[in-house]
Amino acid sequence: MEVAINLFSVNSQLNDNYFGTLEKLAQIGYRNVELIATDKSRKRFSDAIPANELKKKLVELNLNPIASHEGIAPGLQVDDLDWDFIIPYNAQLGVQRIVLPSLRITSREEALKLAEKVNVIGRRCHEHDMSFYLHNHALEFKQDGENTLFDMLLNHTDPSYIKVELDLAWVIRGGLDPIALLDQLGERCDLVHQRDMKKGLTYPLNLFDELSEKDYTAPYHEVHMKYRKPDMFVDLGQGLFDFGTVYGRIKELGHVLYTIVESDGEREDKFQSVESDMLFLQHYV
């Protein structure tokens, strides 16, 4: 297992100076990066940075692009994205994994429709020797009968084409145990995202303990942003996440390839923060 960083951690810095931000991450000591597709205004970085230029810079800095996040803007569906461009662009960079970082499912019907669509995209990625991943937040763990929406989605997708990048802190926020979910997913999950949540929260840790009736009928993105509190996340090791127990189990499982820093929220010095996160995680890999 190795440490990586998702570039959303430094999205403001990317907006100001994309290549300079990559240089700073390399200087800090990162060797593995997970790319993000769009800037803060939802414009694609690829509109300004051709794949050959980005590839050259990554090689120069000895940065390994382990994956790329391709998110869905509010109001769009996953099949609205230009996969005829996305897949070849990432393939040219040497990216082997494309991740859908926001599932936007609030009902059984939405979960089943998304499953059908990502099976098609996952098959297309597989044909280009790439893997397609689903990435959770918390709302996906809404119960519907005996299963969660996340369960329904996974149960109706082909494990040959669809894998999981599990965000461990959002699992906790969704009211579940990350170790139990890691055990359940097995080798289907070989990427994890790592955040830490502040101790002594003034609201319930379990998201579903604070949702209102109105929230259950509101659009996914609106609810997600409402409960993605600005003071929720802290530097790794400063919060309530039980790294020793969880990473002890991850090591026992033996198939997780990367633990990926996602530094959410503002910090006084974001580069110092993500350097601290990297050094902290290196004790557990």
Foldseek 3Di string as FASTA:
>chain_A
DAAEAECLLVLVVCVVPVLVVVLLLLVLPHQEYEAEQAGPVRHGPCVVAQLVRVLVSNVVSNHHHAEYEDEDDPPDAPVVDDLVPVLVSCVSSVHQEYEYAEQFDLDLVSLLVNLVVQLVVLVVSVVVNHAYEYEDAQNQQDDDPPGGSVVSNVVSHDLVRYAYAYAQLRCVLNVHHSLVVCVVRQLSYQHYEYWAFAPPDPDDSHPVVPDDPVLSVDGPVVNVVVPPDQRTTDFPPNHDDDLVVNLVSVVVSPRHDYYYYRNDHDDPDSSVRVSSNNVVCVVRD
